Amino acid sequence: MIKKIGITGLIILVIASVFVFLSAAFTVHQTQQALILRFGEAIRIVTEPGLHFKMPIADDAVYIDKRILDLDSESQEVIASDQKRLVVDAYSRYKITDALKYYQSVQSSARANARLSQILNSAVRRVLGESTFEEIVRDKRPELMKRITEQVNNEAAALGMSIVDVRIRRADLPEANSQAVYMRMQTARTKEANDIRARGQEQAKIITSRSDKEAKIIIAEANKISEITRGEGDAGRNKIYAESYGQDPEFFKFYRSMVAYEESLKSGDTRLVISPDTDFFTYFKDPLGSNK
């Protein structure tokens, strides 16, 4: 009987020892840190990964993530300093730097995200509300994100958190405003295109008018030169005729008659009604032209 009691006591002792060991031992992953609470009061923070021990029953280990965490805030409407409405979508990355403050202020990641989201949204509205539309979407976006990060960091420090980065994912006009802006831009571009087209047509008319004027001048000059050349040719021809006539009037008369016959008797619809006794046919009646 005593032997059985001894064995039973030994088993109970072993079980109790295992229970105490399991209650006292805890492990910390490399992505975590542990806050040790004794009857609900924080006594120490374990940041090193591995196997650690605490007082059984009295102590509890609360695990807190020490990685960089993401926070996506909901889209919100912001009024810029130039009274333009914007739909802003921002997100941030943060890490827990003070486990004790974190546990005392928010205790859980859900509450931490809710508090931090409020702080982020307030900072976004505050900073962007002091800036113009152009500064937000184009000119000073990096500077504005830096200011938002600093302001969020100042408030997040009291929660045991540190903001690594804040980014504005999207900053656009509301859908109705975007459509109105698009229509204004389209109208402006159409007007600009019409102005450019009108100026082009005006330039085309000027160039065409100038070209037509220059062409008329060139043609007039060419006609003038041709008339002068033709006149000089006619004068030379008449001079040759006159000299020929002076040397041999009969031959010149014969030549002129042959040219007249050739020109007047060409094939065509022209009809001549002339008496055969006229001087025109002198060389038909007498090749020597002696008959008058």
C-alpha atoms as a PDB file:
ATOM      1  CA  MET A   1       0.000   0.000   0.000  1.00  0.00           C
ATOM      2  CA  ILE A   2       2.790   2.365   0.937  1.00  0.00           C
ATOM      3  CA  LYS A   3       4.565   1.405  -2.271  1.00  0.00           C
ATOM      4  CA  LYS A   4       1.484   2.269  -4.336  1.00  0.00           C
ATOM      5  CA  ILE A   5       1.154   5.595  -2.560  1.00  0.00           C
ATOM      6  CA  GLY A   6       4.809   6.310  -3.330  1.00  0.00           C
ATOM      7  CA  ILE A   7       4.384   5.531  -7.020  1.00  0.00           C
ATOM      8  CA  THR A   8       1.243   7.654  -7.231  1.00  0.00           C
ATOM      9  CA  GLY A   9       2.993  10.529  -5.483  1.00  0.00           C
ATOM     10  CA  LEU A  10       5.919  10.245  -7.870  1.00  0.00           C
ATOM     11  CA  ILE A  11       3.598  10.366 -10.893  1.00  0.00           C
ATOM     12  CA  ILE A  12       1.814  13.394  -9.455  1.00  0.00           C
ATOM     13  CA  LEU A  13       5.168  15.045  -8.804  1.00  0.00           C
ATOM     14  CA  VAL A  14       6.304  14.378 -12.364  1.00  0.00           C
ATOM     15  CA  ILE A  15       3.055  15.701 -13.794  1.00  0.00           C
ATOM     16  CA  ALA A  16       3.289  18.762 -11.569  1.00  0.00           C
ATOM     17  CA  SER A  17       6.892  19.306 -12.612  1.00  0.00           C
ATOM     18  CA  VAL A  18       5.946  19.061 -16.287  1.00  0.00           C
ATOM     19  CA  PHE A  19       3.055  21.457 -15.720  1.00  0.00           C
ATOM     20  CA  VAL A  20       5.322  23.922 -13.912  1.00  0.00           C
ATOM     21  CA  PHE A  21       7.924  23.672 -16.665  1.00  0.00           C
ATOM     22  CA  LEU A  22       5.369  24.186 -19.376  1.00  0.00           C
ATOM     23  CA  SER A  23       3.871  27.115 -17.477  1.00  0.00           C
ATOM     24  CA  ALA A  24       7.275  28.687 -16.962  1.00  0.00           C
ATOM     25  CA  ALA A  25       8.764  28.106 -20.408  1.00  0.00           C
ATOM     26  CA  PHE A  26       7.846  30.122 -23.484  1.00  0.00           C
ATOM     27  CA  THR A  27       9.457  30.729 -26.854  1.00  0.00           C
ATOM     28  CA  VAL A  28       9.869  33.963 -28.740  1.00  0.00           C
ATOM     29  CA  HIS A  29       9.932  33.860 -32.517  1.00  0.00           C
ATOM     30  CA  GLN A  30      12.434  36.040 -34.356  1.00  0.00           C
ATOM     31  CA  THR A  31       9.577  38.166 -35.724  1.00  0.00           C
ATOM     32  CA  GLN A  32       8.146  38.767 -32.239  1.00  0.00           C
ATOM     33  CA  GLN A  33       8.830  40.371 -28.912  1.00  0.00           C
ATOM     34  CA  ALA A  34       7.203  39.296 -25.660  1.00  0.00           C
ATOM     35  CA  LEU A  35       5.826  41.483 -22.894  1.00  0.00           C
ATOM     36  CA  ILE A  36       5.813  39.657 -19.522  1.00  0.00           C
ATOM     37  CA  LEU A  37       2.871  40.537 -17.286  1.00  0.00           C
ATOM     38  CA  ARG A  38       2.720  39.593 -13.607  1.00  0.00           C
ATOM     39  CA  PHE A  39      -0.848  39.690 -12.418  1.00  0.00           C
ATOM     40  CA  GLY A  40      -1.604  42.083 -15.302  1.00  0.00           C
ATOM     41  CA  GLU A  41       1.311  44.434 -14.640  1.00  0.00           C
ATOM     42  CA  ALA A  42       4.192  44.600 -17.113  1.00  0.00           C
ATOM     43  CA  ILE A  43       7.537  43.694 -15.581  1.00  0.00           C
ATOM     44  CA  ARG A  44       9.870  43.140 -18.522  1.00  0.00           C
ATOM     45  CA  ILE A  45      10.164  42.888 -22.314  1.00  0.00           C
ATOM     46  CA  VAL A  46      11.852  39.974 -24.092  1.00  0.00           C
ATOM     47  CA  THR A  47      13.193  40.882 -27.528  1.00  0.00           C
ATOM     48  CA  GLU A  48      15.684  38.064 -28.109  1.00  0.00           C
ATOM     49  CA  PRO A  49      14.285  35.035 -29.982  1.00  0.00           C
ATOM     50  CA  GLY A  50      14.512  31.567 -28.430  1.00  0.00           C
ATOM     51  CA  LEU A  51      13.434  29.703 -25.267  1.00  0.00           C
ATOM     52  CA  HIS A  52      12.738  31.825 -22.190  1.00  0.00           C
ATOM     53  CA  PHE A  53      11.228  31.315 -18.732  1.00  0.00           C
ATOM     54  CA  LYS A  54       8.754  33.173 -16.591  1.00  0.00           C
ATOM     55  CA  MET A  55       7.150  32.587 -13.236  1.00  0.00           C
ATOM     56  CA  PRO A  56       4.474  29.946 -13.531  1.00  0.00           C
ATOM     57  CA  ILE A  57       0.846  30.905 -13.004  1.00  0.00           C
ATOM     58  CA  ALA A  58       1.684  34.458 -11.939  1.00  0.00           C
ATOM     59  CA  ASP A  59       3.240  35.586 -15.239  1.00  0.00           C
ATOM     60  CA  ASP A  60       1.729  35.801 -18.711  1.00  0.00           C
ATOM     61  CA  ALA A  61       3.523  36.403 -22.017  1.00  0.00           C
ATOM     62  CA  VAL A  62       1.921  38.760 -24.536  1.00  0.00           C
ATOM     63  CA  TYR A  63       3.432  38.503 -28.002  1.00  0.00           C
ATOM     64  CA  ILE A  64       3.848  41.649 -30.072  1.00  0.00           C
ATOM     65  CA  ASP A  65       4.954  41.735 -33.692  1.00  0.00           C
ATOM     66  CA  LYS A  66       8.231  43.557 -34.346  1.00  0.00           C
ATOM     67  CA  ARG A  67       8.094  43.435 -38.151  1.00  0.00           C
ATOM     68  CA  ILE A  68       7.213  46.385 -40.372  1.00  0.00           C
ATOM     69  CA  LEU A  69       3.419  46.363 -40.676  1.00  0.00           C
ATOM     70  CA  ASP A  70       1.122  47.801 -43.359  1.00  0.00           C
ATOM     71  CA  LEU A  71      -1.858  50.046 -42.790  1.00  0.00           C
ATOM     72  CA  ASP A  72      -4.316  50.787 -45.611  1.00  0.00           C
ATOM     73  CA  SER A  73      -6.674  53.646 -44.859  1.00  0.00           C
ATOM     74  CA  GLU A  74      -9.994  54.121 -46.597  1.00  0.00           C
ATOM     75  CA  SER A  75     -10.311  56.684 -49.400  1.00  0.00           C
ATOM     76  CA  GLN A  76     -11.411  60.083 -48.184  1.00  0.00           C
ATOM     77  CA  GLU A  77     -12.405  63.358 -49.782  1.00  0.00           C
ATOM     78  CA  VAL A  78     -10.081  66.299 -49.133  1.00  0.00           C
ATOM     79  CA  ILE A  79     -10.609  69.962 -50.022  1.00  0.00           C
ATOM     80  CA  ALA A  80      -7.388  71.598 -51.217  1.00  0.00           C
ATOM     81  CA  SER A  81      -6.487  75.207 -50.416  1.00  0.00           C
ATOM     82  CA  ASP A  82      -7.766  76.293 -53.844  1.00  0.00           C
ATOM     83  CA  GLN A  83     -11.171  74.765 -52.966  1.00  0.00           C
ATOM     84  CA  LYS A  84     -10.799  71.801 -55.307  1.00  0.00           C
ATOM     85  CA  ARG A  85     -12.114  68.468 -54.059  1.00  0.00           C
ATOM     86  CA  LEU A  86      -9.849  65.441 -54.200  1.00  0.00           C
ATOM     87  CA  VAL A  87     -10.361  61.766 -53.459  1.00  0.00           C
ATOM     88  CA  VAL A  88      -7.199  60.672 -51.622  1.00  0.00           C
ATOM     89  CA  ASP A  89      -6.136  57.099 -50.946  1.00  0.00           C
ATOM     90  CA  ALA A  90      -3.111  56.822 -48.615  1.00  0.00           C
ATOM     91  CA  TYR A  91      -1.316  53.993 -46.862  1.00  0.00           C
ATOM     92  CA  SER A  92       1.495  53.745 -44.337  1.00  0.00           C
ATOM     93  CA  ARG A  93       4.029  51.294 -42.957  1.00  0.00           C
ATOM     94  CA  TYR A  94       4.862  51.225 -39.278  1.00  0.00           C
ATOM     95  CA  LYS A  95       6.596  49.186 -36.603  1.00  0.00           C
ATOM     96  CA  ILE A  96       6.099  48.767 -32.873  1.00  0.00           C
ATOM     97  CA  THR A  97       9.078  50.342 -31.109  1.00  0.00           C
ATOM     98  CA  ASP A  98       7.831  50.409 -27.512  1.00  0.00           C
ATOM     99  CA  ALA A  99       5.946  47.238 -26.602  1.00  0.00           C
ATOM    100  CA  LEU A 100       4.907  48.575 -23.172  1.00  0.00           C
ATOM    101  CA  LYS A 101       3.377  51.797 -24.517  1.00  0.00           C
ATOM    102  CA  TYR A 102       1.784  49.831 -27.321  1.00  0.00           C
ATOM    103  CA  TYR A 103       0.146  47.375 -24.920  1.00  0.00           C
ATOM    104  CA  GLN A 104      -0.952  50.070 -22.471  1.00  0.00           C
ATOM    105  CA  SER A 105      -2.487  52.297 -25.173  1.00  0.00           C
ATOM    106  CA  VAL A 106      -4.005  49.916 -27.759  1.00  0.00           C
ATOM    107  CA  GLN A 107      -3.262  46.328 -26.600  1.00  0.00           C
ATOM    108  CA  SER A 108      -4.217  44.698 -29.951  1.00  0.00           C
ATOM    109  CA  SER A 109      -3.340  45.135 -33.623  1.00  0.00           C
ATOM    110  CA  ALA A 110      -6.990  45.829 -34.546  1.00  0.00           C
ATOM    111  CA  ARG A 111      -7.224  48.740 -32.107  1.00  0.00           C
ATOM    112  CA  ALA A 112      -3.759  49.917 -33.147  1.00  0.00           C
ATOM    113  CA  ASN A 113      -4.781  50.027 -36.825  1.00  0.00           C
ATOM    114  CA  ALA A 114      -7.997  51.869 -35.962  1.00  0.00           C
ATOM    115  CA  ARG A 115      -6.167  54.538 -33.910  1.00  0.00           C
ATOM    116  CA  LEU A 116      -3.367  54.902 -36.411  1.00  0.00           C
ATOM    117  CA  SER A 117      -5.846  55.140 -39.297  1.00  0.00           C
ATOM    118  CA  GLN A 118      -7.582  58.053 -37.568  1.00  0.00           C
ATOM    119  CA  ILE A 119      -4.255  59.806 -36.998  1.00  0.00           C
ATOM    120  CA  LEU A 120      -3.213  59.225 -40.619  1.00  0.00           C
ATOM    121  CA  ASN A 121      -6.490  60.500 -42.063  1.00  0.00           C
ATOM    122  CA  SER A 122      -6.354  63.619 -39.898  1.00  0.00           C
ATOM    123  CA  ALA A 123      -2.772  64.367 -40.943  1.00  0.00           C
ATOM    124  CA  VAL A 124      -3.652  63.819 -44.621  1.00  0.00           C
ATOM    125  CA  ARG A 125      -6.591  66.239 -44.434  1.00  0.00           C
ATOM    126  CA  ARG A 126      -4.548  68.780 -42.482  1.00  0.00           C
ATOM    127  CA  VAL A 127      -1.496  68.806 -44.758  1.00  0.00           C
ATOM    128  CA  LEU A 128      -3.309  68.503 -48.083  1.00  0.00           C
ATOM    129  CA  GLY A 129      -5.859  71.107 -47.001  1.00  0.00           C
ATOM    130  CA  GLU A 130      -3.004  73.632 -46.824  1.00  0.00           C
ATOM    131  CA  SER A 131      -1.807  72.798 -50.372  1.00  0.00           C
ATOM    132  CA  THR A 132      -3.127  73.511 -53.848  1.00  0.00           C
ATOM    133  CA  PHE A 133      -4.355  70.938 -56.324  1.00  0.00           C
ATOM    134  CA  GLU A 134      -1.226  71.267 -58.497  1.00  0.00           C
ATOM    135  CA  GLU A 135       1.077  70.860 -55.486  1.00  0.00           C
ATOM    136  CA  ILE A 136      -0.709  67.679 -54.411  1.00  0.00           C
ATOM    137  CA  VAL A 137      -0.840  65.899 -57.755  1.00  0.00           C
ATOM    138  CA  ARG A 138       2.378  67.186 -59.306  1.00  0.00           C
ATOM    139  CA  ASP A 139       4.682  69.811 -57.788  1.00  0.00           C
ATOM    140  CA  LYS A 140       5.199  68.975 -54.097  1.00  0.00           C
ATOM    141  CA  ARG A 141       3.902  65.455 -53.601  1.00  0.00           C
ATOM    142  CA  PRO A 142       7.109  63.995 -52.039  1.00  0.00           C
ATOM    143  CA  GLU A 143       7.399  66.984 -49.693  1.00  0.00           C
ATOM    144  CA  LEU A 144       3.752  66.634 -48.625  1.00  0.00           C
ATOM    145  CA  MET A 145       4.176  62.909 -47.899  1.00  0.00           C
ATOM    146  CA  LYS A 146       7.213  63.727 -45.754  1.00  0.00           C
ATOM    147  CA  ARG A 147       5.208  66.288 -43.763  1.00  0.00           C
ATOM    148  CA  ILE A 148       2.386  63.791 -43.254  1.00  0.00           C
ATOM    149  CA  THR A 149       4.887  61.182 -42.052  1.00  0.00           C
ATOM    150  CA  GLU A 150       6.365  63.614 -39.507  1.00  0.00           C
ATOM    151  CA  GLN A 151       2.972  64.608 -38.137  1.00  0.00           C
ATOM    152  CA  VAL A 152       1.760  61.011 -37.862  1.00  0.00           C
ATOM    153  CA  ASN A 153       5.037  60.027 -36.178  1.00  0.00           C
ATOM    154  CA  ASN A 154       4.594  62.698 -33.519  1.00  0.00           C
ATOM    155  CA  GLU A 155       1.239  61.242 -32.478  1.00  0.00           C
ATOM    156  CA  ALA A 156       2.121  57.574 -33.048  1.00  0.00           C
ATOM    157  CA  ALA A 157       5.093  57.801 -30.685  1.00  0.00           C
ATOM    158  CA  ALA A 158       2.673  58.064 -27.745  1.00  0.00           C
ATOM    159  CA  LEU A 159       1.216  54.704 -28.848  1.00  0.00           C
ATOM    160  CA  GLY A 160       4.606  53.012 -28.935  1.00  0.00           C
ATOM    161  CA  MET A 161       4.726  52.964 -32.733  1.00  0.00           C
ATOM    162  CA  SER A 162       7.012  54.519 -35.325  1.00  0.00           C
ATOM    163  CA  ILE A 163       5.929  55.396 -38.869  1.00  0.00           C
ATOM    164  CA  VAL A 164       8.392  54.132 -41.468  1.00  0.00           C
ATOM    165  CA  ASP A 165       6.702  55.631 -44.499  1.00  0.00           C
ATOM    166  CA  VAL A 166       3.485  57.261 -45.717  1.00  0.00           C
ATOM    167  CA  ARG A 167       2.481  57.153 -49.362  1.00  0.00           C
ATOM    168  CA  ILE A 168      -0.377  58.718 -51.290  1.00  0.00           C
ATOM    169  CA  ARG A 169      -1.499  55.933 -53.574  1.00  0.00           C
ATOM    170  CA  ARG A 170      -4.075  58.020 -55.428  1.00  0.00           C
ATOM    171  CA  ALA A 171      -5.132  61.675 -55.447  1.00  0.00           C
ATOM    172  CA  ASP A 172      -7.770  62.301 -58.094  1.00  0.00           C
ATOM    173  CA  LEU A 173     -10.736  64.509 -58.672  1.00  0.00           C
ATOM    174  CA  PRO A 174     -14.156  62.993 -57.944  1.00  0.00           C
ATOM    175  CA  GLU A 175     -15.783  61.306 -60.933  1.00  0.00           C
ATOM    176  CA  ALA A 176     -18.165  64.191 -61.676  1.00  0.00           C
ATOM    177  CA  ASN A 177     -15.359  66.755 -61.417  1.00  0.00           C
ATOM    178  CA  SER A 178     -13.055  64.607 -63.532  1.00  0.00           C
ATOM    179  CA  GLN A 179     -15.652  64.498 -66.299  1.00  0.00           C
ATOM    180  CA  ALA A 180     -16.120  68.273 -66.138  1.00  0.00           C
ATOM    181  CA  VAL A 181     -12.355  68.851 -66.239  1.00  0.00           C
ATOM    182  CA  TYR A 182     -12.068  66.449 -69.158  1.00  0.00           C
ATOM    183  CA  MET A 183     -14.761  68.348 -71.073  1.00  0.00           C
ATOM    184  CA  ARG A 184     -13.045  71.678 -70.359  1.00  0.00           C
ATOM    185  CA  MET A 185      -9.715  70.263 -71.501  1.00  0.00           C
ATOM    186  CA  GLN A 186     -11.337  68.861 -74.640  1.00  0.00           C
ATOM    187  CA  THR A 187     -12.963  72.218 -75.402  1.00  0.00           C
ATOM    188  CA  ALA A 188      -9.692  74.055 -74.830  1.00  0.00           C
ATOM    189  CA  ARG A 189      -7.764  71.641 -77.050  1.00  0.00           C
ATOM    190  CA  THR A 190     -10.428  71.893 -79.782  1.00  0.00           C
ATOM    191  CA  LYS A 191     -10.258  75.686 -79.652  1.00  0.00           C
ATOM    192  CA  GLU A 192      -6.460  75.576 -79.796  1.00  0.00           C
ATOM    193  CA  ALA A 193      -6.583  73.186 -82.763  1.00  0.00           C
ATOM    194  CA  ASN A 194      -9.059  75.456 -84.579  1.00  0.00           C
ATOM    195  CA  ASP A 195      -6.838  78.481 -83.931  1.00  0.00           C
ATOM    196  CA  ILE A 196      -3.788  76.654 -85.256  1.00  0.00           C
ATOM    197  CA  ARG A 197      -5.770  75.456 -88.264  1.00  0.00           C
ATOM    198  CA  ALA A 198      -7.057  78.996 -88.966  1.00  0.00           C
ATOM    199  CA  ARG A 199      -3.540  80.431 -88.724  1.00  0.00           C
ATOM    200  CA  GLY A 200      -2.325  77.718 -91.074  1.00  0.00           C
ATOM    201  CA  GLN A 201      -5.039  78.490 -93.596  1.00  0.00           C
ATOM    202  CA  GLU A 202      -4.202  82.198 -93.358  1.00  0.00           C
ATOM    203  CA  GLN A 203      -0.535  81.469 -93.970  1.00  0.00           C
ATOM    204  CA  ALA A 204      -1.484  79.188 -96.864  1.00  0.00           C
ATOM    205  CA  LYS A 205      -3.511  81.981 -98.460  1.00  0.00           C
ATOM    206  CA  ILE A 206      -0.654  84.440 -97.992  1.00  0.00           C
ATOM    207  CA  ILE A 207       1.844  82.017 -99.539  1.00  0.00           C
ATOM    208  CA  THR A 208      -0.537  81.171-102.406  1.00  0.00           C
ATOM    209  CA  SER A 209      -1.221  84.857-103.083  1.00  0.00           C
ATOM    210  CA  ARG A 210       2.484  85.642-103.024  1.00  0.00           C
ATOM    211  CA  SER A 211       3.227  82.713-105.326  1.00  0.00           C
ATOM    212  CA  ASP A 212       0.463  83.737-107.762  1.00  0.00           C
ATOM    213  CA  LYS A 213       1.805  87.295-107.800  1.00  0.00           C
ATOM    214  CA  GLU A 214       5.347  86.113-108.440  1.00  0.00           C
ATOM    215  CA  ALA A 215       4.097  83.746-111.164  1.00  0.00           C
ATOM    216  CA  LYS A 216       2.233  86.597-112.906  1.00  0.00           C
ATOM    217  CA  ILE A 217       5.310  88.791-112.696  1.00  0.00           C
ATOM    218  CA  ILE A 218       7.488  86.021-114.157  1.00  0.00           C
ATOM    219  CA  ILE A 219       4.964  85.362-116.942  1.00  0.00           C
ATOM    220  CA  ALA A 220       4.691  89.106-117.689  1.00  0.00           C
ATOM    221  CA  GLU A 221       8.466  89.409-117.832  1.00  0.00           C
ATOM    222  CA  ALA A 222       8.659  86.363-120.096  1.00  0.00           C
ATOM    223  CA  ASN A 223       5.950  87.758-122.374  1.00  0.00           C
ATOM    224  CA  LYS A 224       7.742  91.080-122.449  1.00  0.00           C
ATOM    225  CA  ILE A 225      11.018  89.420-123.402  1.00  0.00           C
ATOM    226  CA  SER A 226       9.281  87.229-125.999  1.00  0.00           C
ATOM    227  CA  GLU A 227       7.552  90.252-127.551  1.00  0.00           C
ATOM    228  CA  ILE A 228      10.838  92.113-127.687  1.00  0.00           C
ATOM    229  CA  THR A 229      12.541  89.092-129.207  1.00  0.00           C
ATOM    230  CA  ARG A 230       9.678  88.642-131.673  1.00  0.00           C
ATOM    231  CA  GLY A 231       9.828  92.308-132.593  1.00  0.00           C
ATOM    232  CA  GLU A 232      13.557  92.126-133.075  1.00  0.00           C
ATOM    233  CA  GLY A 233      13.049  89.021-135.240  1.00  0.00           C
ATOM    234  CA  ASP A 234      10.360  90.728-137.302  1.00  0.00           C
ATOM    235  CA  ALA A 235      12.581  93.771-137.724  1.00  0.00           C
ATOM    236  CA  GLY A 236      15.450  91.541-138.819  1.00  0.00           C
ATOM    237  CA  ARG A 237      13.159  89.703-141.193  1.00  0.00           C
ATOM    238  CA  ASN A 238      11.827  92.945-142.685  1.00  0.00           C
ATOM    239  CA  LYS A 239      15.349  94.222-143.036  1.00  0.00           C
ATOM    240  CA  ILE A 240      16.322  91.060-144.904  1.00  0.00           C
ATOM    241  CA  TYR A 241      13.208  91.418-147.069  1.00  0.00           C
ATOM    242  CA  ALA A 242      14.040  95.045-147.778  1.00  0.00           C
ATOM    243  CA  GLU A 243      17.618  94.230-148.687  1.00  0.00           C
ATOM    244  CA  SER A 244      16.459  91.353-150.879  1.00  0.00           C
ATOM    245  CA  TYR A 245      13.902  93.578-152.559  1.00  0.00           C
ATOM    246  CA  GLY A 246      16.564  96.185-153.250  1.00  0.00           C
ATOM    247  CA  GLN A 247      18.863  93.622-154.859  1.00  0.00           C
ATOM    248  CA  ASP A 248      16.260  91.866-157.032  1.00  0.00           C
ATOM    249  CA  PRO A 249      12.730  93.231-156.925  1.00  0.00           C
ATOM    250  CA  GLU A 250      11.394  90.615-159.381  1.00  0.00           C
ATOM    251  CA  PHE A 251      12.706  87.677-157.344  1.00  0.00           C
ATOM    252  CA  PHE A 252      11.406  89.211-154.156  1.00  0.00           C
ATOM    253  CA  LYS A 253       7.995  89.668-155.785  1.00  0.00           C
ATOM    254  CA  PHE A 254       8.073  86.040-156.980  1.00  0.00           C
ATOM    255  CA  TYR A 255       9.056  84.777-153.522  1.00  0.00           C
ATOM    256  CA  ARG A 256       6.331  86.765-151.796  1.00  0.00           C
ATOM    257  CA  SER A 257       3.761  85.404-154.248  1.00  0.00           C
ATOM    258  CA  MET A 258       4.866  81.816-153.623  1.00  0.00           C
ATOM    259  CA  VAL A 259       4.551  82.308-149.868  1.00  0.00           C
ATOM    260  CA  ALA A 260       1.098  83.828-150.353  1.00  0.00           C
ATOM    261  CA  TYR A 261       0.028  80.867-152.534  1.00  0.00           C
ATOM    262  CA  GLU A 262       1.274  78.419-149.889  1.00  0.00           C
ATOM    263  CA  GLU A 263      -0.513  80.143-147.051  1.00  0.00           C
ATOM    264  CA  SER A 264      -3.813  80.733-148.878  1.00  0.00           C
ATOM    265  CA  LEU A 265      -4.130  77.399-150.654  1.00  0.00           C
ATOM    266  CA  LYS A 266      -3.629  75.123-147.633  1.00  0.00           C
ATOM    267  CA  SER A 267      -6.123  72.340-147.128  1.00  0.00           C
ATOM    268  CA  GLY A 268      -9.038  73.258-144.888  1.00  0.00           C
ATOM    269  CA  ASP A 269     -12.452  74.826-144.881  1.00  0.00           C
ATOM    270  CA  THR A 270     -11.289  78.233-146.132  1.00  0.00           C
ATOM    271  CA  ARG A 271     -12.790  79.263-149.487  1.00  0.00           C
ATOM    272  CA  LEU A 272     -11.529  82.133-151.723  1.00  0.00           C
ATOM    273  CA  VAL A 273     -13.759  83.768-154.320  1.00  0.00           C
ATOM    274  CA  ILE A 274     -11.280  85.726-156.513  1.00  0.00           C
ATOM    275  CA  SER A 275     -11.326  86.585-160.173  1.00  0.00           C
ATOM    276  CA  PRO A 276      -8.581  84.736-162.123  1.00  0.00           C
ATOM    277  CA  ASP A 277      -7.643  88.016-163.773  1.00  0.00           C
ATOM    278  CA  THR A 278      -6.375  89.545-160.550  1.00  0.00           C
ATOM    279  CA  ASP A 279      -2.712  90.238-159.909  1.00  0.00           C
ATOM    280  CA  PHE A 280      -2.754  87.494-157.262  1.00  0.00           C
ATOM    281  CA  PHE A 281      -2.675  84.821-159.992  1.00  0.00           C
ATOM    282  CA  THR A 282      -0.025  86.525-162.140  1.00  0.00           C
ATOM    283  CA  TYR A 283       2.448  83.675-161.780  1.00  0.00           C
ATOM    284  CA  PHE A 284      -0.264  81.104-162.580  1.00  0.00           C
ATOM    285  CA  LYS A 285      -0.760  82.706-165.994  1.00  0.00           C
ATOM    286  CA  ASP A 286       2.887  83.532-166.601  1.00  0.00           C
ATOM    287  CA  PRO A 287       5.669  81.884-164.543  1.00  0.00           C
ATOM    288  CA  LEU A 288       7.922  84.779-165.420  1.00  0.00           C
ATOM    289  CA  GLY A 289       5.360  87.257-164.101  1.00  0.00           C
ATOM    290  CA  SER A 290       5.572  89.373-167.227  1.00  0.00           C
ATOM    291  CA  ASN A 291       1.718  89.600-167.607  1.00  0.00           C
ATOM    292  CA  LYS A 292       0.093  92.296-165.602  1.00  0.00           C
END
